[in-house]
Protein backbone atom coordinates (compact mmCIF):
# COMPACT_ATOMS: atom_id res chain seq x y z
CA UNK A 1 0.00 0.00 0.00
CA UNK A 2 1.44 3.36 -1.06
CA UNK A 3 0.96 6.25 1.39
CA UNK A 4 0.40 9.63 -0.26
CA UNK A 5 0.79 12.75 1.89
CA UNK A 6 -1.48 15.60 0.75
CA UNK A 7 -0.51 19.15 1.59
CA UNK A 8 -2.81 22.13 0.93
CA UNK A 9 -6.29 21.41 -0.39
CA UNK A 10 -5.99 18.89 -3.21
CA UNK A 11 -9.08 18.45 -5.36
CA UNK A 12 -10.84 15.23 -4.25
CA UNK A 13 -11.85 14.36 -7.81
CA UNK A 14 -8.17 14.09 -8.60
CA UNK A 15 -7.37 11.99 -5.53
CA UNK A 16 -10.16 9.61 -6.51
CA UNK A 17 -7.91 8.50 -9.38
CA UNK A 18 -5.77 6.64 -6.84
CA UNK A 19 -7.09 3.04 -6.66
CA UNK A 20 -8.05 2.49 -3.02
CA UNK A 21 -6.68 -1.06 -3.00
CA UNK A 22 -3.13 0.19 -3.66
CA UNK A 23 -3.03 3.78 -2.40
CA UNK A 24 -4.14 5.68 0.68
CA UNK A 25 -4.07 9.45 1.03
CA UNK A 26 -3.96 11.65 4.11
CA UNK A 27 -2.38 14.61 5.88
CA UNK A 28 -0.69 12.92 8.83
CA UNK A 29 1.97 10.66 7.32
CA UNK A 30 5.55 11.13 8.50
CA UNK A 31 6.99 8.54 6.09
CA UNK A 32 4.97 8.96 2.88
CA UNK A 33 5.90 7.25 -0.37
CA UNK A 34 4.87 10.42 -2.23
CA UNK A 35 3.70 13.98 -1.58
CA UNK A 36 1.12 15.99 -3.51
CA UNK A 37 0.98 19.71 -2.84
CA UNK A 38 0.11 23.08 -4.28
CA UNK A 39 1.69 26.08 -2.53
CA UNK A 40 3.23 24.64 0.65
CA UNK A 41 6.92 25.48 1.03
CA UNK A 42 9.06 22.35 1.27
CA UNK A 43 12.49 24.00 1.40
CA UNK A 44 12.83 23.42 5.14
CA UNK A 45 11.27 19.97 5.11
CA UNK A 46 13.31 16.89 6.03
CA UNK A 47 12.21 14.14 3.67
CA UNK A 48 11.63 10.59 4.82
CA UNK A 49 13.84 7.89 3.27
CA UNK A 50 10.56 6.33 2.10
CA UNK A 51 9.63 9.33 -0.06
CA UNK A 52 10.21 8.66 -3.75
CA UNK A 53 8.12 11.28 -5.53
CA UNK A 54 6.67 14.77 -5.11
CA UNK A 55 3.99 16.12 -7.42
CA UNK A 56 3.08 19.78 -7.55
CA UNK A 57 -0.52 20.31 -8.72
CA UNK A 58 0.42 23.33 -10.82
CA UNK A 59 3.13 24.49 -13.18
CA UNK A 60 5.43 26.45 -10.85
CA UNK A 61 7.74 24.60 -8.48
CA UNK A 62 9.77 27.30 -6.71
CA UNK A 63 8.37 26.01 -3.41
CA UNK A 64 10.16 22.66 -3.81
CA UNK A 65 13.93 22.07 -3.35
CA UNK A 66 14.29 20.21 -6.64
CA UNK A 67 18.09 19.83 -6.51
CA UNK A 68 18.06 18.44 -2.98
CA UNK A 69 15.27 16.07 -4.00
CA UNK A 70 17.32 14.85 -6.96
CA UNK A 71 20.24 14.05 -4.67
CA UNK A 72 17.87 11.97 -2.55
CA UNK A 73 16.47 10.16 -5.59
CA UNK A 74 13.11 11.91 -5.25
CA UNK A 75 11.45 12.63 -8.59
CA UNK A 76 9.65 15.98 -8.66
CA UNK A 77 6.72 16.42 -11.04
CA UNK A 78 4.67 19.43 -12.08
CA UNK A 79 1.51 19.64 -14.17
CA UNK A 80 2.18 21.93 -17.15
CA UNK A 81 -0.86 22.67 -19.25
CA UNK A 82 -3.43 21.33 -16.79
CA UNK A 83 -4.49 24.87 -15.82
CA UNK A 84 -3.74 26.42 -19.22
CA UNK A 85 -7.32 27.18 -20.18
CA UNK A 86 -8.06 28.84 -16.84
CA UNK A 87 -5.03 31.10 -17.22
CA UNK A 88 -5.86 31.80 -20.85
CA UNK A 89 -9.33 33.02 -19.94
CA UNK A 90 -7.94 35.36 -17.29
CA UNK A 91 -5.39 36.74 -19.75
CA UNK A 92 -8.26 37.56 -22.12
CA UNK A 93 -10.03 39.29 -19.24
CA UNK A 94 -6.79 41.17 -18.60
CA UNK A 95 -6.75 42.39 -22.20
CA UNK A 96 -10.17 43.92 -21.72
CA UNK A 97 -9.30 45.37 -18.31
CA UNK A 98 -6.23 46.97 -19.86
CA UNK A 99 -8.27 48.46 -22.71
CA UNK A 100 -11.42 49.65 -21.00
CA UNK A 101 -11.35 51.23 -17.56
CA UNK A 102 -13.80 48.67 -16.27
CA UNK A 103 -12.31 48.42 -12.79
CA UNK A 104 -12.16 52.20 -12.39
CA UNK A 105 -15.74 52.55 -13.54
CA UNK A 106 -16.99 49.90 -11.14
CA UNK A 107 -15.14 51.48 -8.23
CA UNK A 108 -16.65 54.89 -9.06
CA UNK A 109 -20.20 53.54 -9.46
CA UNK A 110 -20.03 52.03 -5.98
CA UNK A 111 -19.44 55.54 -4.57
CA UNK A 112 -22.89 56.58 -5.76
CA UNK A 113 -24.73 54.55 -3.13
CA UNK A 114 -27.35 56.77 -1.45
CA UNK A 115 -27.84 59.14 -4.42
CA UNK A 116 -31.30 57.72 -5.16
CA UNK A 117 -32.88 58.91 -8.41
CA UNK A 118 -29.71 60.88 -9.21
CA UNK A 119 -27.72 57.69 -9.90
CA UNK A 120 -28.72 57.29 -13.59
CA UNK A 121 -27.97 60.91 -14.59
CA UNK A 122 -24.74 60.90 -12.57
CA UNK A 123 -23.66 57.78 -14.43
CA UNK A 124 -24.44 59.32 -17.80
CA UNK A 125 -22.47 62.39 -16.86
CA UNK A 126 -19.48 60.57 -15.37
CA UNK A 127 -19.03 57.63 -17.73
CA UNK A 128 -16.86 59.68 -20.09
CA UNK A 129 -14.11 59.52 -17.48
CA UNK A 130 -13.79 55.78 -18.01
CA UNK A 131 -13.67 55.57 -21.80
CA UNK A 132 -11.20 53.17 -23.36
CA UNK A 133 -10.30 51.53 -26.65
CA UNK A 134 -11.18 48.30 -28.41
CA UNK A 135 -8.82 45.38 -28.96
CA UNK A 136 -10.10 44.68 -32.48
CA UNK A 137 -7.31 45.26 -34.97
CA UNK A 138 -4.69 45.94 -32.30
CA UNK A 139 -1.40 44.04 -32.14
CA UNK A 140 -0.69 41.61 -29.31
CA UNK A 141 2.80 40.24 -28.70
CA UNK A 142 2.66 36.86 -26.97
CA UNK A 143 6.03 36.20 -25.35
CA UNK A 144 6.32 32.46 -24.75
CA UNK A 145 4.41 29.88 -26.76
CA UNK A 146 3.98 27.04 -24.35
CA UNK A 147 0.64 25.53 -23.40
CA UNK A 148 -0.80 28.85 -22.18
CA UNK A 149 0.84 31.12 -24.74
CA UNK A 150 -0.51 29.14 -27.69
CA UNK A 151 -4.05 29.20 -26.29
CA UNK A 152 -3.81 32.96 -25.68
CA UNK A 153 -2.43 33.62 -29.16
CA UNK A 154 -5.12 31.58 -30.91
CA UNK A 155 -7.95 33.06 -28.85
CA UNK A 156 -6.77 36.65 -29.35
CA UNK A 157 -6.53 36.09 -33.09
CA UNK A 158 -10.12 34.85 -33.15
CA UNK A 159 -11.12 38.06 -31.33
CA UNK A 160 -9.74 40.04 -34.27
CA UNK A 161 -6.31 40.98 -32.95
CA UNK A 162 -3.10 40.88 -34.95
CA UNK A 163 -1.00 38.41 -32.99
CA UNK A 164 2.77 38.14 -33.00
CA UNK A 165 4.37 35.26 -31.14
CA UNK A 166 7.92 34.95 -29.91
CA UNK A 167 9.50 31.81 -28.48
CA UNK A 168 12.92 30.61 -29.64
CA UNK A 169 12.34 27.33 -27.79
CA UNK A 170 8.84 26.47 -29.02
CA UNK A 171 8.28 22.72 -29.10
CA UNK A 172 7.06 20.85 -32.15
CA UNK A 173 3.91 19.89 -30.25
CA UNK A 174 3.01 23.50 -29.42
CA UNK A 175 3.96 24.75 -32.88
CA UNK A 176 1.48 22.29 -34.38
CA UNK A 177 -1.28 23.74 -32.18
CA UNK A 178 -0.55 27.35 -33.18
CA UNK A 179 -2.87 28.96 -35.73
CA UNK A 180 -1.22 29.62 -39.09
CA UNK A 181 -2.54 33.17 -38.80
CA UNK A 182 -0.08 33.91 -35.98
CA UNK A 183 3.08 35.66 -37.12
CA UNK A 184 6.25 34.29 -35.51
CA UNK A 185 8.79 36.99 -34.75
CA UNK A 186 12.46 36.22 -35.33
CA UNK A 187 13.58 38.35 -32.42
CA UNK A 188 12.20 39.66 -29.16
CA UNK A 189 12.87 43.21 -30.31
CA UNK A 190 10.70 42.84 -33.42
CA UNK A 191 7.90 41.31 -31.36
CA UNK A 192 7.94 44.11 -28.79
CA UNK A 193 8.45 47.09 -31.08
CA UNK A 194 5.14 46.91 -32.91
CA UNK A 195 2.89 45.70 -30.10
CA UNK A 196 -0.01 47.59 -28.57
CA UNK A 197 -0.25 44.86 -25.93
CA UNK A 198 2.38 42.50 -24.53
CA UNK A 199 1.57 39.36 -22.57
CA UNK A 200 4.20 37.33 -20.73
CA UNK A 201 3.80 33.55 -20.78
CA UNK A 202 7.29 32.33 -19.93
CA UNK A 203 8.65 30.43 -16.91
CA UNK A 204 10.70 32.12 -14.21
CA UNK A 205 14.33 31.04 -14.36
CA UNK A 206 17.64 32.66 -13.50
CA UNK A 207 17.74 33.84 -17.10
CA UNK A 208 14.25 35.34 -17.17
CA UNK A 209 14.21 37.12 -13.82
CA UNK A 210 13.35 40.81 -14.45
CA UNK A 211 12.96 39.91 -18.11
CA UNK A 212 10.93 43.06 -18.69
CA UNK A 213 13.16 45.95 -17.67
CA UNK A 214 13.81 49.51 -18.74
CA UNK A 215 15.74 48.45 -21.84
CA UNK A 216 12.95 46.25 -23.20
CA UNK A 217 10.25 48.76 -22.25
CA UNK A 218 12.04 51.44 -24.26
CA UNK A 219 11.74 49.22 -27.37
CA UNK A 220 7.96 49.20 -27.03
CA UNK A 221 5.41 51.69 -28.33
CA UNK A 222 4.41 54.65 -26.22
CA UNK A 223 1.26 53.74 -24.32
CA UNK A 224 1.80 49.98 -24.51
CA UNK A 225 -0.24 47.78 -22.21
CA UNK A 226 1.60 44.92 -20.45
CA UNK A 227 0.02 41.80 -18.97
CA UNK A 228 1.83 39.48 -16.56
CA UNK A 229 0.00 36.28 -15.68
CA UNK A 230 3.19 34.18 -15.55
CA UNK A 231 5.36 35.20 -12.57
CA UNK A 232 5.75 38.50 -10.75
CA UNK A 233 9.55 38.38 -10.78
CA UNK A 234 9.60 38.48 -14.59
CA UNK A 235 9.14 42.25 -14.35
CA UNK A 236 11.50 44.81 -12.83
CA UNK A 237 9.05 46.70 -10.62
CA UNK A 238 11.20 49.82 -10.33
CA UNK A 239 11.47 50.17 -14.09
CA UNK A 240 7.78 49.40 -14.55
CA UNK A 241 6.73 52.02 -11.99
CA UNK A 242 8.84 54.63 -13.75
CA UNK A 243 7.41 53.73 -17.18
CA UNK A 244 3.86 53.94 -15.82
CA UNK A 245 4.55 57.29 -14.19
CA UNK A 246 5.54 59.05 -17.40
CA UNK A 247 3.13 57.15 -19.66
CA UNK A 248 5.46 54.92 -21.65
CA UNK A 249 3.33 52.06 -20.31
CA UNK A 250 -0.33 53.03 -20.07
CA UNK A 251 -1.52 49.96 -18.14
CA UNK A 252 0.08 47.12 -16.24
CA UNK A 253 -2.06 44.10 -15.33
CA UNK A 254 -0.47 41.62 -12.95
CA UNK A 255 -1.70 38.48 -11.27
CA UNK A 256 1.11 38.74 -8.71
CA UNK A 257 0.55 41.75 -6.44
CA UNK A 258 3.09 42.94 -3.91
CA UNK A 259 3.63 46.09 -1.91
CA UNK A 260 5.29 47.81 -4.87
CA UNK A 261 2.69 46.94 -7.50
CA UNK A 262 -0.13 48.07 -5.22
CA UNK A 263 1.38 51.56 -5.23
CA UNK A 264 1.95 51.77 -8.99
CA UNK A 265 0.02 54.17 -11.15
CA UNK A 266 -2.41 52.66 -13.70
CA UNK A 267 -1.87 49.14 -12.42
CA UNK A 268 -4.55 46.53 -11.88
CA UNK A 269 -3.54 43.89 -9.34
CA UNK A 270 -5.38 40.58 -9.48
CA UNK A 271 -4.96 38.21 -6.49
CA UNK A 272 -3.24 35.32 -8.33
CA UNK A 273 -6.44 33.95 -9.87
CA UNK A 274 -4.90 32.49 -13.03
CA UNK A 275 -5.50 28.86 -12.14
CA UNK A 276 -8.24 29.45 -9.57
CA UNK A 277 -11.04 27.61 -11.32
CA UNK A 278 -12.68 24.36 -10.31
CA UNK A 279 -11.71 22.88 -13.65
CA UNK A 280 -8.04 23.84 -13.34
CA UNK A 281 -7.75 22.49 -9.81
CA UNK A 282 -9.37 19.22 -10.89
CA UNK A 283 -7.16 18.88 -13.98
CA UNK A 284 -3.98 19.61 -12.01
CA UNK A 285 -4.85 17.08 -9.31
CA UNK A 286 -5.71 14.39 -11.85
CA UNK A 287 -2.48 14.96 -13.76
CA UNK A 288 -0.41 14.86 -10.54
CA UNK A 289 -2.06 11.60 -9.47
CA UNK A 290 -1.59 9.99 -12.88
CA UNK A 291 2.10 10.96 -12.92
CA UNK A 292 2.70 9.38 -9.51
CA UNK A 293 0.87 6.23 -10.56
CA UNK A 294 2.82 6.02 -13.82
CA UNK A 295 6.06 6.27 -11.86
CA UNK A 296 5.18 3.83 -9.08
CA UNK A 297 3.43 1.25 -11.25
CA UNK A 298 5.51 1.40 -14.44
CA UNK A 299 8.66 3.36 -13.58
CA UNK A 300 7.92 5.91 -16.30
CA UNK A 301 8.71 9.58 -15.63
CA UNK A 302 6.45 12.18 -17.23
CA UNK A 303 6.75 15.95 -16.62
CA UNK A 304 9.60 15.81 -14.14
CA UNK A 305 11.48 19.02 -13.34
CA UNK A 306 14.61 17.35 -11.93
CA UNK A 307 14.84 13.95 -13.65
CA UNK A 308 14.86 13.08 -17.36
CA UNK A 309 11.48 12.28 -18.85
CA UNK A 310 11.58 8.57 -19.70
CA UNK A 311 8.81 6.27 -20.94
CA UNK A 312 9.07 2.70 -22.19
CA UNK A 313 6.38 0.15 -23.02
CA UNK A 314 6.42 -2.83 -20.69
CA UNK A 315 7.87 -6.12 -21.98
CA UNK A 316 8.74 -9.39 -20.27
CA UNK A 317 8.78 -10.01 -16.55
CA UNK A 318 10.01 -7.70 -13.82
CA UNK A 319 11.02 -4.10 -14.44
CA UNK A 320 14.00 -2.49 -12.72
CA UNK A 321 14.45 1.28 -12.54
CA UNK A 322 17.72 2.87 -11.50
CA UNK A 323 18.78 6.50 -11.00
CA UNK A 324 22.45 7.34 -10.92
CA UNK A 325 24.97 10.05 -11.51
CA UNK A 326 25.56 10.62 -15.20
CA UNK A 327 29.13 9.28 -15.32
CA UNK A 328 30.80 6.64 -17.54
CA UNK A 329 30.49 2.88 -16.99
CA UNK A 330 27.30 3.00 -14.89
CA UNK A 331 25.22 0.95 -17.34
CA UNK A 332 27.92 -1.72 -17.55
CA UNK A 333 28.08 -2.02 -13.77
CA UNK A 334 24.29 -2.37 -13.49
CA UNK A 335 24.26 -4.96 -16.28
CA UNK A 336 27.07 -6.88 -14.56
CA UNK A 337 25.03 -7.19 -11.35
CA UNK A 338 22.15 -8.65 -13.35
CA UNK A 339 24.42 -10.96 -15.34
CA UNK A 340 25.86 -12.37 -12.13
CA UNK A 341 22.31 -13.33 -11.15
CA UNK A 342 21.71 -15.00 -14.52
CA UNK A 343 19.29 -12.28 -15.59
CA UNK A 344 18.71 -11.61 -19.27
CA UNK A 345 17.85 -8.01 -20.23
CA UNK A 346 14.94 -7.91 -22.69
CA UNK A 347 14.74 -4.17 -23.16
CA UNK A 348 16.50 -1.14 -21.72
CA UNK A 349 16.25 2.63 -21.97
CA UNK A 350 18.75 5.10 -20.54
CA UNK A 351 18.31 8.87 -20.56
CA UNK A 352 20.00 11.70 -18.76
CA UNK A 353 19.27 15.21 -17.59
CA UNK A 354 22.34 17.18 -16.67
CA UNK A 355 24.07 15.17 -13.92
CA UNK A 356 21.30 12.59 -13.49
CA UNK A 357 20.77 9.43 -15.53
CA UNK A 358 17.70 7.21 -15.32
CA UNK A 359 17.40 3.63 -16.53
CA UNK A 360 14.38 1.45 -17.23
CA UNK A 361 15.30 -2.23 -17.57
CA UNK A 362 12.87 -5.05 -18.44
CA UNK A 363 14.15 -8.54 -17.62
CA UNK A 364 13.05 -12.11 -18.33
CA UNK A 365 12.42 -13.16 -14.72
CA UNK A 366 9.26 -12.96 -12.63
CA UNK A 367 11.19 -13.15 -9.35
CA UNK A 368 14.51 -11.82 -8.09
CA UNK A 369 16.54 -12.23 -4.95
CA UNK A 370 16.21 -9.18 -2.65
CA UNK A 371 19.99 -8.92 -2.81
CA UNK A 372 19.85 -7.81 -6.47
CA UNK A 373 18.25 -4.48 -5.62
CA UNK A 374 20.71 -4.00 -2.78
CA UNK A 375 23.70 -4.85 -4.99
CA UNK A 376 22.60 -2.29 -7.57
CA UNK A 377 22.16 0.35 -4.88
CA UNK A 378 25.65 -0.37 -3.58
CA UNK A 379 27.21 0.70 -6.89
CA UNK A 380 29.05 4.00 -6.36
CA UNK A 381 26.96 6.72 -8.02
CA UNK A 382 23.59 4.95 -7.79
CA UNK A 383 21.13 6.76 -5.53
CA UNK A 384 17.90 4.91 -6.31
CA UNK A 385 16.98 1.42 -7.44
CA UNK A 386 13.56 -0.17 -7.46
CA UNK A 387 12.04 -3.42 -8.72
CA UNK A 388 8.51 -3.24 -10.15
CA UNK A 389 6.50 -6.44 -10.41
């Protein structure tokens, strides 16, 4: 029986995908086989030797010490794309909020409480203060064409916008989903320079921190509107505040408020609602559960952020999975242990990610001595070995 520790509120429809005869879920385990979480911070957590996997029901994973987990042989998963539609819809709402002073108008209308019959004429007189512009025919630059970026680009094009996409690392899968009406920019500068609106849909890494700064803002049109539903740290807040103050940027919409953004002129702060839909929470939980099951039951790794992604169809008898440092002669040493036990390898797949290598090995036996797993683990450089029946 696998014990799954749940942190935060994990959607029960997702947890129902764990078969009850093989898995149990709860909040009180001190030695779980796996952990599912959303926003809990695990950086100070001491992991049990029993813990083999952590799944984050969401795309971001800054709250998980992925490198330390890798050293312990703990595979960390995220759920990219599971909440993509929810974020896409909020980005579209952000486009409209950036174009029409909807939030300002609503705030003003609520000040008219108590005016009685004067409310309608006051509204007619004051509505001119909240006029805006339409998005039809305007140019939107979508920076990042992953699962969310492609959905945003396609939807905005259907709303009549001219859409320019930029992503030097776009995958074949996402490129195939992108409308042929979307123009792909060859450089970030060309994407930014002609845009009336810019939306960020890229991950936060050491290379993308403060991605939007004074230099990139100066490339943009005067009066550009910028939307950030990806990560708050992608924007240099000091440079953004300055650009908003003198009108270079006319609106900034962010789903990641902080003390600085709350003080910025012409900024609409949304309380991190991108994935806050019932559907997104369900999809993320289901994907996290399925990834853990795929790993425990088949040894396959899908959507890991610290291990290589490895999948192999099952053949033969037992399956052995091994994680080790990506150094020479490891495969030969593992094969030698099996050969000494008279084991014939039917199929094998080895992949690496930076300093980590992961092996899936199908063998011709239905039973193995417990010493085999221990002998593989004793190889210098191996930090995880598991036999799957």
